[in-house]
Amino acid sequence: MHHSLLTSATVLLGIQYVDAKAVFAHFMIANAVGYSASDWATQISLAQQAHIDAFALNIAYDASGNEEQVANAFSAADGTGFGLFFSFDYDGNGAWDQQSVIDYIQNYSSSSAYYQYDSKPFVSTFEGPANADDWTTIKSETNCFFVPDWSSQGASGALALDNGVADGLFNWNAWPWGPQAMNTSSDESYVQALGSKPYMMAVSPWFFTNLPDYSKNWLWNGDDLWYDRWQEVYEIEPEWVEIITWNDIGESHYIGPINSNAFGLFTSGGAPFNYAENMPHDGWRDTLPFSIDLYVDGSATITQELLTVYYRPNPENACATGGTTGNTASQGQEVFAPSNIVEDAVYYSALLAEAPSSVTVTIGGVSQTGSWTNTPSSGVGIYHGSVAFNGNTGLVVVTVTTSAGTMTMTGSQNITTDCTDGIENWNAWVGSATGGTVSATASVS
């Protein structure tokens, strides 16, 4: 698809957008355990710093804490310019009844923080195609703009439900199959099926879950995913992007701070150990202002060089798999050994104003010269690469040098064959470093 600068007008009335690209982050209300309005304000501020426009509030039916945390969220967002909208989860706690959906939308859509599209309250779902017939009435009662995730039905199937009740569609498919890299075939099927209706594209950095009591225990290939998927966003140019997720620690694709009050899900889900503790992902947010501006505006300016580094703490085959598979039979996929779909490597992405003079990765005191598998055509933008473990364990240090200076990221999580409870942690540890002040602009061309 041809890349072009965004020329659509943005009309801002409260949190209203007309024909404007925007980026959301999927936020699990269930993982906001113990949050006050002040805690919500912190999350909102961090999201705004990342240039995210709104949280999609995932709420499971009749879940404890819904009313308190939704109220806290809207209280914190009021007057900030940050948006919130509902994503009704029809899978986590069963189907929503029609009237409860109507009540939530009517109670909050008049808030100055409720995200509006085309002067209508924006509403989404996680699945729920069996209740598609509810939405003609819900839309009539609430005047909402409805963009569900009915990905289980495929693009054409979802679009046909309830005589085309969806105003657009969200495609949850953000992870590659097996050892393959992510591609846009699923996105293209949605764009083609939707025609003139808008498309919401999913972007995610990782996926690993081991919650057998919730019937979930698999890994998808996230090796280069955070970099690759944003390049695909520039190709597809969807109306919206939704990041999966801000805070789902159970599926290891969180980009927000870890809320230790939510660690109870590892017990209730039957996890063999807590695979999110001391495994921050905040570094994945550092490049978001650049990536999002490039998508929304067609150009982005770099004022400081940045380095993001991530890796798994345990080499593949060092310990027991924990029963985790690569891919999942629950979705009809061929399954692999996890070691067959991910690589033992340290991955790094650097936001730079020019080509770097060097990159070095040191593991346990053994230094290796790194290289770049992806570079921006103009020289300005995100450079991405990796270096294999090559059997090394220990402290991880990544150094990138440019004319603006040297950035050094020292990991707080060693690579080790000493696994928690003898089981591999397939989650990623993410760190970052900042470099020199620069001034350079990149454009989508």
Protein backbone atom coordinates (compact mmCIF):
# COMPACT_ATOMS: atom_id res chain seq x y z
CA MET A 1 0.00 0.00 0.00
CA HIS A 2 1.29 3.50 -0.78
CA HIS A 3 2.53 5.42 2.25
CA SER A 4 1.40 8.99 2.54
CA LEU A 5 1.29 11.82 5.01
CA LEU A 6 -1.91 12.03 7.00
CA THR A 7 -3.93 14.95 5.70
CA SER A 8 -7.26 14.24 7.39
CA ALA A 9 -8.59 16.97 9.63
CA THR A 10 -8.81 16.32 13.33
CA VAL A 11 -11.73 17.87 15.15
CA LEU A 12 -11.26 17.91 18.89
CA LEU A 13 -14.34 18.50 21.01
CA GLY A 14 -13.69 16.90 24.36
CA ILE A 15 -12.27 13.57 23.20
CA GLN A 16 -13.91 13.55 19.77
CA TYR A 17 -12.12 12.55 16.59
CA VAL A 18 -13.38 12.61 13.02
CA ASP A 19 -11.46 10.71 10.35
CA ALA A 20 -8.24 10.77 12.40
CA LYS A 21 -5.78 8.00 13.07
CA ALA A 22 -5.43 7.10 16.75
CA VAL A 23 -3.67 4.59 18.99
CA PHE A 24 -5.27 2.83 21.94
CA ALA A 25 -3.98 0.39 24.56
CA HIS A 26 -6.06 -2.53 25.82
CA PHE A 27 -6.38 -2.20 29.60
CA MET A 28 -7.55 -5.13 31.75
CA ILE A 29 -9.81 -3.75 34.49
CA ALA A 30 -9.36 -7.07 36.31
CA ASN A 31 -5.65 -6.27 36.71
CA ALA A 32 -6.28 -2.84 38.24
CA VAL A 33 -6.65 -4.52 41.63
CA GLY A 34 -6.29 -1.98 44.43
CA TYR A 35 -6.00 1.04 42.14
CA SER A 36 -7.06 4.44 43.43
CA ALA A 37 -7.89 7.38 41.18
CA SER A 38 -4.31 8.51 41.78
CA ASP A 39 -2.97 5.19 40.49
CA TRP A 40 -5.11 5.60 37.39
CA ALA A 41 -3.75 9.12 36.94
CA THR A 42 -0.23 7.67 36.91
CA GLN A 43 -1.15 5.11 34.25
CA ILE A 44 -2.83 7.78 32.13
CA SER A 45 0.16 10.09 32.40
CA LEU A 46 2.52 7.32 31.28
CA ALA A 47 0.25 6.49 28.35
CA GLN A 48 0.10 10.13 27.31
CA GLN A 49 3.90 10.35 27.45
CA ALA A 50 3.92 7.41 25.02
CA HIS A 51 1.48 9.33 22.73
CA ILE A 52 -1.32 6.82 23.29
CA ASP A 53 -4.76 8.40 22.81
CA ALA A 54 -7.01 6.20 24.94
CA PHE A 55 -7.38 3.04 26.99
CA ALA A 56 -9.78 0.36 25.79
CA LEU A 57 -11.20 -0.72 29.15
CA ASN A 58 -11.64 -4.50 29.09
CA ILE A 59 -14.45 -5.33 31.50
CA ALA A 60 -15.65 -8.87 32.15
CA TYR A 61 -19.34 -9.39 32.89
CA ASP A 62 -20.34 -8.96 36.53
CA ALA A 63 -16.72 -9.01 37.71
CA SER A 64 -15.96 -7.70 41.18
CA GLY A 65 -14.25 -4.34 41.07
CA ASN A 66 -15.77 -3.24 37.76
CA GLU A 67 -17.84 -0.38 39.13
CA GLU A 68 -15.13 0.93 41.48
CA GLN A 69 -12.31 0.82 38.94
CA VAL A 70 -14.32 2.19 36.02
CA ALA A 71 -15.38 5.12 38.22
CA ASN A 72 -11.76 5.67 39.31
CA ALA A 73 -10.57 5.58 35.71
CA PHE A 74 -13.04 8.19 34.49
CA SER A 75 -12.41 10.38 37.52
CA ALA A 76 -8.67 10.34 36.80
CA ALA A 77 -9.06 10.92 33.05
CA ASP A 78 -11.46 13.85 33.36
CA GLY A 79 -9.85 17.01 32.03
CA THR A 80 -6.60 15.34 30.93
CA GLY A 81 -7.38 15.09 27.22
CA PHE A 82 -6.94 11.32 27.46
CA GLY A 83 -9.74 9.04 26.30
CA LEU A 84 -11.40 5.92 27.69
CA PHE A 85 -13.86 3.56 26.05
CA PHE A 86 -15.38 0.19 26.85
CA SER A 87 -14.25 -3.13 25.43
CA PHE A 88 -16.86 -5.58 26.69
CA ASP A 89 -15.23 -8.98 27.32
CA TYR A 90 -17.66 -11.77 26.42
CA ASP A 91 -15.13 -14.53 27.05
CA GLY A 92 -13.53 -13.97 30.44
CA ASN A 93 -16.65 -14.25 32.61
CA GLY A 94 -19.38 -15.24 30.18
CA ALA A 95 -21.61 -13.20 27.90
CA TRP A 96 -22.83 -9.73 28.80
CA ASP A 97 -26.56 -9.17 29.00
CA GLN A 98 -27.85 -6.48 26.70
CA GLN A 99 -29.17 -4.11 29.36
CA SER A 100 -25.92 -4.10 31.35
CA VAL A 101 -24.03 -3.04 28.24
CA ILE A 102 -26.55 -0.27 27.60
CA ASP A 103 -26.29 0.90 31.21
CA TYR A 104 -22.50 1.16 31.16
CA ILE A 105 -22.46 3.11 27.91
CA GLN A 106 -25.26 5.45 28.97
CA ASN A 107 -23.70 6.05 32.39
CA TYR A 108 -20.28 7.04 31.05
CA SER A 109 -20.57 8.16 27.44
CA SER A 110 -21.40 11.72 28.52
CA SER A 111 -18.10 11.98 30.41
CA SER A 112 -15.61 14.43 28.95
CA ALA A 113 -13.11 11.55 28.96
CA TYR A 114 -15.22 9.09 26.98
CA TYR A 115 -13.64 8.59 23.57
CA GLN A 116 -15.92 9.66 20.73
CA TYR A 117 -15.64 8.88 17.03
CA ASP A 118 -17.82 10.66 14.51
CA SER A 119 -19.57 12.31 17.51
CA LYS A 120 -20.54 8.87 18.85
CA PRO A 121 -19.24 6.97 21.88
CA PHE A 122 -16.69 4.43 20.67
CA VAL A 123 -17.35 0.84 21.85
CA SER A 124 -15.53 -2.43 21.25
CA THR A 125 -15.57 -6.03 22.48
CA PHE A 126 -13.41 -9.02 23.08
CA GLU A 127 -15.34 -11.66 21.12
CA GLY A 128 -19.08 -12.14 21.74
CA PRO A 129 -20.31 -13.04 18.22
CA ALA A 130 -23.06 -15.23 19.68
CA ASN A 131 -24.58 -12.03 21.10
CA ALA A 132 -24.26 -10.01 17.90
CA ASP A 133 -28.04 -9.67 17.67
CA ASP A 134 -28.01 -7.58 20.86
CA TRP A 135 -26.19 -4.75 19.18
CA THR A 136 -28.94 -3.34 16.98
CA THR A 137 -30.80 -2.46 20.17
CA ILE A 138 -27.65 -1.37 22.01
CA LYS A 139 -26.72 0.98 19.18
CA SER A 140 -30.24 2.35 19.04
CA GLU A 141 -30.25 3.03 22.78
CA THR A 142 -26.73 4.49 23.02
CA ASN A 143 -25.88 5.85 19.55
CA CYS A 144 -22.48 4.17 19.88
CA PHE A 145 -19.91 3.64 17.12
CA PHE A 146 -19.37 -0.11 17.30
CA VAL A 147 -16.04 -1.76 16.43
CA PRO A 148 -16.05 -5.30 17.88
CA ASP A 149 -13.37 -7.94 17.96
CA TRP A 150 -15.16 -10.94 16.50
CA SER A 151 -11.94 -12.39 15.16
CA SER A 152 -13.10 -15.97 15.73
CA GLN A 153 -15.49 -15.45 12.80
CA GLY A 154 -12.95 -14.08 10.34
CA ALA A 155 -13.41 -10.75 8.58
CA SER A 156 -16.33 -11.61 6.30
CA GLY A 157 -18.12 -13.66 8.94
CA ALA A 158 -17.84 -10.91 11.54
CA LEU A 159 -18.98 -8.26 9.11
CA ALA A 160 -22.11 -10.23 8.21
CA LEU A 161 -23.33 -10.72 11.78
CA ASP A 162 -26.68 -9.12 12.63
CA ASN A 163 -27.00 -7.74 9.10
CA GLY A 164 -23.76 -5.80 9.30
CA VAL A 165 -24.31 -4.21 12.72
CA ALA A 166 -20.58 -3.51 13.16
CA ASP A 167 -19.47 -0.04 12.07
CA GLY A 168 -15.88 -1.30 11.77
CA LEU A 169 -13.89 -4.29 12.97
CA PHE A 170 -11.01 -4.97 15.34
CA ASN A 171 -8.74 -7.87 14.39
CA TRP A 172 -7.10 -9.46 17.46
CA ASN A 173 -4.52 -11.28 15.35
CA ALA A 174 -1.21 -9.69 16.38
CA TRP A 175 1.13 -12.70 16.60
CA PRO A 176 2.85 -14.88 13.99
CA TRP A 177 2.29 -18.56 13.34
CA GLY A 178 5.00 -20.91 14.57
CA PRO A 179 8.55 -19.83 13.76
CA GLN A 180 7.43 -17.48 11.01
CA ALA A 181 7.70 -13.70 11.18
CA MET A 182 4.49 -11.70 11.45
CA ASN A 183 2.85 -10.71 8.16
CA THR A 184 -0.15 -8.66 7.04
CA SER A 185 -2.25 -11.34 5.34
CA SER A 186 -4.88 -11.28 8.09
CA ASP A 187 -4.95 -7.46 8.11
CA GLU A 188 -5.36 -7.37 4.35
CA SER A 189 -8.33 -9.75 4.55
CA TYR A 190 -10.03 -7.33 6.94
CA VAL A 191 -9.28 -4.24 4.87
CA GLN A 192 -10.67 -5.95 1.77
CA ALA A 193 -13.81 -7.23 3.52
CA LEU A 194 -14.53 -3.91 5.25
CA GLY A 195 -14.45 -1.81 2.11
CA SER A 196 -15.28 1.72 3.22
CA LYS A 197 -15.74 0.72 6.87
CA PRO A 198 -12.77 1.46 9.19
CA TYR A 199 -10.27 -1.11 10.44
CA MET A 200 -8.62 -1.39 13.86
CA MET A 201 -5.26 -3.19 13.74
CA ALA A 202 -3.68 -5.01 16.66
CA VAL A 203 -0.04 -4.51 17.67
CA SER A 204 1.59 -6.56 20.43
CA PRO A 205 5.17 -7.09 21.60
CA TRP A 206 5.00 -10.63 22.99
CA PHE A 207 2.81 -13.58 24.01
CA PHE A 208 3.45 -16.19 26.68
CA THR A 209 0.93 -17.61 29.11
CA ASN A 210 1.07 -20.55 31.51
CA LEU A 211 -2.27 -20.51 33.30
CA PRO A 212 -3.50 -24.10 32.95
CA ASP A 213 -6.54 -23.57 35.18
CA TYR A 214 -7.68 -21.03 32.57
CA SER A 215 -6.85 -23.54 29.78
CA LYS A 216 -3.95 -21.38 28.58
CA ASN A 217 -0.35 -22.53 28.20
CA TRP A 218 1.43 -21.47 25.03
CA LEU A 219 3.96 -19.16 23.44
CA TRP A 220 3.90 -17.25 20.16
CA ASN A 221 7.02 -15.95 18.48
CA GLY A 222 7.78 -12.44 19.71
CA ASP A 223 11.46 -12.29 18.76
CA ASP A 224 11.27 -9.33 16.35
CA LEU A 225 7.56 -8.64 16.75
CA TRP A 226 7.54 -5.15 18.32
CA TYR A 227 9.68 -3.81 15.47
CA ASP A 228 8.04 -5.80 12.67
CA ARG A 229 4.47 -5.01 13.60
CA TRP A 230 4.95 -1.23 13.57
CA GLN A 231 6.45 -1.48 10.09
CA GLU A 232 3.29 -3.32 9.07
CA VAL A 233 1.16 -0.53 10.56
CA TYR A 234 2.85 1.94 8.20
CA GLU A 235 2.04 -0.39 5.31
CA ILE A 236 -1.62 -1.02 6.16
CA GLU A 237 -2.43 2.49 7.47
CA PRO A 238 -5.48 1.43 9.51
CA GLU A 239 -7.93 3.90 10.97
CA TRP A 240 -6.85 2.86 14.48
CA VAL A 241 -4.18 0.80 16.20
CA GLU A 242 -4.85 -1.03 19.46
CA ILE A 243 -1.87 -2.21 21.49
CA ILE A 244 -2.36 -5.58 23.18
CA THR A 245 -1.89 -4.78 26.03
CA TRP A 246 -1.16 -2.20 28.68
CA ASN A 247 -1.34 -4.54 31.66
CA ASP A 248 -2.15 -8.18 30.90
CA ILE A 249 0.63 -9.80 32.92
CA GLY A 250 -0.96 -13.24 32.55
CA GLU A 251 -0.27 -13.22 28.80
CA SER A 252 3.08 -11.37 29.07
CA HIS A 253 2.23 -8.66 26.54
CA TYR A 254 2.04 -5.76 29.00
CA ILE A 255 3.83 -2.51 28.17
CA GLY A 256 2.72 -0.67 31.31
CA PRO A 257 4.06 -0.96 34.87
CA ILE A 258 3.52 -4.23 36.69
CA ASN A 259 0.82 -4.06 39.39
CA SER A 260 1.90 -6.56 42.05
CA ASN A 261 -1.62 -6.45 43.50
CA ALA A 262 -2.72 -8.43 40.43
CA PHE A 263 -0.30 -11.31 41.08
CA GLY A 264 -3.19 -13.34 42.49
CA LEU A 265 -4.08 -14.32 38.93
CA PHE A 266 -1.03 -16.61 38.87
CA THR A 267 -2.51 -18.53 41.81
CA SER A 268 -6.07 -18.59 40.49
CA GLY A 269 -4.82 -19.57 37.03
CA GLY A 270 -2.70 -22.43 38.35
CA ALA A 271 0.60 -20.99 37.11
CA PRO A 272 3.65 -23.04 38.16
CA PHE A 273 5.37 -19.78 39.16
CA ASN A 274 5.01 -16.00 38.79
CA TYR A 275 6.59 -15.32 35.41
CA ALA A 276 5.96 -11.54 35.44
CA GLU A 277 7.68 -10.66 38.72
CA ASN A 278 10.88 -8.67 38.13
CA MET A 279 10.24 -8.83 34.39
CA PRO A 280 9.52 -5.19 33.41
CA HIS A 281 8.39 -4.29 29.90
CA ASP A 282 8.46 -0.50 30.28
CA GLY A 283 11.32 -0.19 27.81
CA TRP A 284 8.97 -1.12 24.98
CA ARG A 285 7.16 2.20 25.54
CA ASP A 286 10.27 4.29 24.92
CA THR A 287 10.07 4.19 21.13
CA LEU A 288 6.28 4.61 21.03
CA PRO A 289 6.20 8.42 20.65
CA PHE A 290 8.28 8.06 17.50
CA SER A 291 6.39 5.03 16.17
CA ILE A 292 2.98 6.52 16.89
CA ASP A 293 3.81 9.96 15.46
CA LEU A 294 5.12 8.30 12.30
CA TYR A 295 1.81 6.41 11.93
CA VAL A 296 -0.51 9.29 12.84
CA ASP A 297 1.27 12.22 11.19
CA GLY A 298 3.44 10.56 8.56
CA SER A 299 6.57 12.05 10.13
CA ALA A 300 8.29 12.01 13.51
CA THR A 301 11.09 13.98 15.11
CA ILE A 302 13.88 12.50 17.23
CA THR A 303 15.18 14.75 20.01
CA GLN A 304 17.06 12.11 22.01
CA GLU A 305 18.59 8.82 20.97
CA LEU A 306 17.16 5.74 22.71
CA LEU A 307 18.03 2.07 23.12
CA THR A 308 15.59 -0.73 23.98
CA VAL A 309 16.86 -4.23 24.77
CA TYR A 310 14.95 -7.43 25.49
CA TYR A 311 15.68 -11.11 25.97
CA ARG A 312 14.38 -14.24 27.67
CA PRO A 313 16.17 -15.04 30.95
CA ASN A 314 16.55 -18.76 30.30
CA PRO A 315 18.17 -20.40 27.26
CA GLU A 316 15.83 -22.76 25.46
CA ASN A 317 16.17 -26.37 26.60
CA ALA A 318 17.94 -25.28 29.81
CA CYS A 319 15.02 -26.46 31.93
CA ALA A 320 11.60 -28.10 31.68
CA THR A 321 9.13 -26.41 29.32
CA GLY A 322 6.35 -26.22 31.91
CA GLY A 323 4.07 -27.92 29.39
CA THR A 324 4.15 -24.79 27.23
CA THR A 325 3.75 -25.27 23.49
CA GLY A 326 4.68 -23.07 20.58
CA ASN A 327 1.30 -22.18 19.02
CA THR A 328 -1.88 -23.58 20.58
CA ALA A 329 -4.08 -26.53 19.70
CA SER A 330 -6.99 -24.64 21.31
CA GLN A 331 -7.11 -22.47 18.19
CA GLY A 332 -6.61 -25.33 15.76
CA GLN A 333 -2.93 -24.58 15.23
CA GLU A 334 -0.13 -27.04 14.64
CA VAL A 335 1.95 -27.04 17.81
CA PHE A 336 5.73 -26.95 18.12
CA ALA A 337 8.25 -27.25 20.89
CA PRO A 338 8.81 -23.68 22.16
CA SER A 339 12.49 -23.97 21.29
CA ASN A 340 11.49 -24.45 17.64
CA ILE A 341 9.77 -21.08 17.32
CA VAL A 342 11.97 -18.67 19.31
CA GLU A 343 15.69 -17.95 19.17
CA ASP A 344 18.15 -17.63 22.04
CA ALA A 345 19.19 -14.05 21.38
CA VAL A 346 19.45 -10.56 22.82
CA TYR A 347 17.29 -8.20 20.74
CA TYR A 348 17.85 -4.47 20.52
CA SER A 349 16.16 -1.50 18.85
CA ALA A 350 17.81 1.91 18.74
CA LEU A 351 16.12 5.18 17.83
CA LEU A 352 18.87 7.12 16.10
CA ALA A 353 19.46 10.27 14.09
CA GLU A 354 22.16 8.57 12.02
CA ALA A 355 23.74 5.18 11.39
CA PRO A 356 25.59 3.97 14.50
CA SER A 357 29.32 3.36 14.44
CA SER A 358 29.09 0.24 16.60
CA VAL A 359 26.88 -2.06 18.65
CA THR A 360 28.30 -4.51 21.18
CA VAL A 361 26.50 -7.18 23.21
CA THR A 362 28.24 -8.64 26.24
CA ILE A 363 26.85 -11.70 28.04
CA GLY A 364 28.66 -12.87 31.15
CA GLY A 365 31.75 -10.89 30.20
CA VAL A 366 31.93 -12.33 26.67
CA SER A 367 31.59 -9.53 24.09
CA GLN A 368 30.17 -9.95 20.60
CA THR A 369 29.95 -7.37 17.84
CA GLY A 370 26.34 -6.82 16.91
CA SER A 371 24.74 -5.99 13.60
CA TRP A 372 21.47 -4.58 12.31
CA THR A 373 18.88 -6.69 10.50
CA ASN A 374 16.69 -3.65 9.83
CA THR A 375 17.73 -0.06 9.16
CA PRO A 376 15.69 3.04 8.19
CA SER A 377 16.12 3.99 4.55
CA SER A 378 16.80 7.66 5.35
CA GLY A 379 19.25 6.88 8.16
CA VAL A 380 16.85 8.44 10.69
CA GLY A 381 14.62 6.16 12.73
CA ILE A 382 14.65 2.78 14.43
CA TYR A 383 17.52 0.36 13.86
CA HIS A 384 16.84 -3.24 14.91
CA GLY A 385 19.02 -6.29 15.38
CA SER A 386 20.03 -9.18 17.63
CA VAL A 387 22.96 -11.25 18.84
CA ALA A 388 22.68 -14.94 19.72
CA PHE A 389 23.40 -16.17 23.25
CA ASN A 390 25.93 -18.60 21.74
CA GLY A 391 25.91 -20.57 24.96
CA ASN A 392 26.83 -17.60 27.13
CA THR A 393 25.06 -16.82 30.41
CA GLY A 394 25.32 -14.03 32.95
CA LEU A 395 25.01 -10.24 33.00
CA VAL A 396 23.78 -8.62 29.76
CA VAL A 397 25.26 -5.31 28.62
CA VAL A 398 24.41 -3.70 25.27
CA THR A 399 26.32 -0.65 24.02
CA VAL A 400 25.49 1.48 20.97
CA THR A 401 27.77 4.31 19.88
CA THR A 402 26.92 7.20 17.54
CA SER A 403 28.37 10.67 17.03
CA ALA A 404 25.91 11.87 19.70
CA GLY A 405 27.50 9.62 22.30
CA THR A 406 27.35 6.13 23.74
CA MET A 407 24.29 4.39 25.18
CA THR A 408 24.80 1.49 27.57
CA MET A 409 21.97 -0.75 28.78
CA THR A 410 22.85 -3.07 31.66
CA GLY A 411 20.26 -5.75 32.36
CA SER A 412 18.94 -6.35 35.86
CA GLN A 413 18.00 -9.91 34.88
CA ASN A 414 20.87 -12.26 34.07
CA ILE A 415 20.63 -14.98 31.46
CA THR A 416 20.77 -18.17 33.52
CA THR A 417 20.21 -21.91 33.36
CA ASP A 418 18.97 -21.76 36.97
CA CYS A 419 15.24 -21.57 36.25
CA THR A 420 12.52 -20.78 38.80
CA ASP A 421 11.22 -24.12 40.09
CA GLY A 422 13.18 -25.78 37.29
CA ILE A 423 10.80 -24.39 34.63
CA GLU A 424 11.63 -22.11 31.70
CA ASN A 425 10.37 -18.55 31.85
CA TRP A 426 9.34 -17.74 28.28
CA ASN A 427 8.54 -14.12 29.19
CA ALA A 428 10.85 -11.28 28.12
CA TRP A 429 12.91 -8.96 30.28
CA VAL A 430 12.98 -5.45 28.75
CA GLY A 431 15.34 -2.60 29.55
CA SER A 432 16.31 0.71 27.99
CA ALA A 433 18.86 3.51 27.97
CA THR A 434 18.94 7.07 26.70
CA GLY A 435 21.64 8.74 24.65
CA GLY A 436 22.60 12.13 23.35
CA THR A 437 20.38 15.04 22.36
CA VAL A 438 19.77 15.22 18.62
CA SER A 439 17.38 16.80 16.13
CA ALA A 440 16.29 14.76 13.13
CA THR A 441 13.03 13.97 11.36
CA ALA A 442 11.88 10.79 9.66
CA SER A 443 8.97 10.43 7.25
CA VAL A 444 6.90 7.58 5.88
CA SER A 445 7.54 7.55 2.15
